[in-house]
Amino acid sequence: MVELDGRFEITSNRESSFGRYAIMLIPKNREKDCAYIIEFKVYKPLKEKNLAQTVANALNQIEEKQYEAKVAADGFAPEN
């Protein structure tokens, strides 16, 4: 993350819509880089079948809690 500081505005654990994301990377050069939303999860073998389900749960959380609302408000297209 430290090496990305020159290319991205890095924020963590900030409230966005209905929850708090783990890390958000907003590019300083929008033509060169995409924005990233990162949600960390711990694999829970008693609740999840495999790591793929853990990843799916993280993605669902990002979508359900609308973490992308900030980047959309900043003018980023969904694919970026």
Protein backbone atom coordinates (compact mmCIF):
# COMPACT_ATOMS: atom_id res chain seq x y z
CA MET A 1 0.00 0.00 0.00
CA VAL A 2 2.83 2.41 0.80
CA GLU A 3 4.14 2.18 -2.76
CA LEU A 4 0.68 3.03 -4.15
CA ASP A 5 0.47 6.32 -2.23
CA GLY A 6 1.76 8.34 -5.17
CA ARG A 7 -0.84 6.89 -7.55
CA PHE A 8 -3.89 6.59 -5.27
CA GLU A 9 -5.74 8.35 -2.49
CA ILE A 10 -5.90 5.54 0.07
CA THR A 11 -8.62 5.47 2.72
CA SER A 12 -9.66 2.74 5.12
CA ASN A 13 -12.56 1.84 7.36
CA ARG A 14 -14.63 4.84 6.30
CA GLU A 15 -18.38 4.84 6.20
CA SER A 16 -19.88 4.55 2.73
CA SER A 17 -23.64 4.27 2.26
CA PHE A 18 -24.73 1.45 4.61
CA GLY A 19 -21.45 0.23 6.07
CA ARG A 20 -17.69 0.54 6.30
CA TYR A 21 -15.32 -0.74 3.63
CA ALA A 22 -11.85 -2.04 4.53
CA ILE A 23 -9.78 -0.10 1.95
CA MET A 24 -10.61 2.17 -0.96
CA LEU A 25 -8.09 3.25 -3.59
CA ILE A 26 -9.06 6.30 -5.65
CA PRO A 27 -6.64 6.95 -8.52
CA LYS A 28 -4.98 10.33 -8.80
CA ASN A 29 -4.83 9.81 -12.58
CA ARG A 30 -8.29 8.59 -13.66
CA GLU A 31 -7.17 7.97 -17.24
CA LYS A 32 -4.42 5.58 -16.14
CA ASP A 33 -5.89 3.69 -13.17
CA CYS A 34 -9.21 2.27 -11.94
CA ALA A 35 -10.68 2.72 -8.46
CA TYR A 36 -10.58 -0.27 -6.10
CA ILE A 37 -12.70 -1.28 -3.13
CA ILE A 38 -11.17 -3.97 -0.92
CA GLU A 39 -13.09 -5.88 1.75
CA PHE A 40 -11.15 -8.29 3.97
CA LYS A 41 -12.84 -11.42 5.27
CA VAL A 42 -11.79 -14.31 7.46
CA TYR A 43 -12.63 -17.80 6.20
CA LYS A 44 -15.09 -19.39 8.64
CA PRO A 45 -15.19 -23.15 7.97
CA LEU A 46 -18.26 -23.65 10.16
CA LYS A 47 -20.28 -21.14 8.11
CA GLU A 48 -18.69 -21.33 4.65
CA LYS A 49 -18.02 -24.30 2.39
CA ASN A 50 -14.76 -22.98 0.95
CA LEU A 51 -12.66 -19.89 0.30
CA ALA A 52 -14.66 -19.11 -2.85
CA GLN A 53 -17.75 -18.68 -0.68
CA THR A 54 -15.81 -16.31 1.60
CA VAL A 55 -14.84 -14.24 -1.44
CA ALA A 56 -18.46 -14.25 -2.65
CA ASN A 57 -19.59 -13.04 0.79
CA ALA A 58 -17.13 -10.13 0.61
CA LEU A 59 -18.37 -9.16 -2.86
CA ASN A 60 -21.99 -9.42 -1.70
CA GLN A 61 -21.20 -7.12 1.23
CA ILE A 62 -19.63 -4.55 -1.11
CA GLU A 63 -22.73 -4.64 -3.32
CA GLU A 64 -25.38 -4.79 -0.56
CA LYS A 65 -23.86 -1.95 1.44
CA GLN A 66 -23.27 0.09 -1.72
CA TYR A 67 -19.62 0.84 -1.02
CA GLU A 68 -19.26 1.88 -4.66
CA ALA A 69 -21.54 4.91 -4.08
CA LYS A 70 -18.55 7.16 -3.32
CA VAL A 71 -16.65 6.26 -6.47
CA ALA A 72 -19.84 6.54 -8.54
CA ALA A 73 -20.49 9.99 -7.03
CA ASP A 74 -16.94 10.93 -7.99
CA GLY A 75 -17.80 10.13 -11.63
CA PHE A 76 -16.30 6.67 -12.04
CA ALA A 77 -18.08 4.31 -14.44
CA PRO A 78 -18.93 0.87 -12.93
CA GLU A 79 -16.25 -0.83 -15.03
CA ASN A 80 -13.60 1.50 -13.60
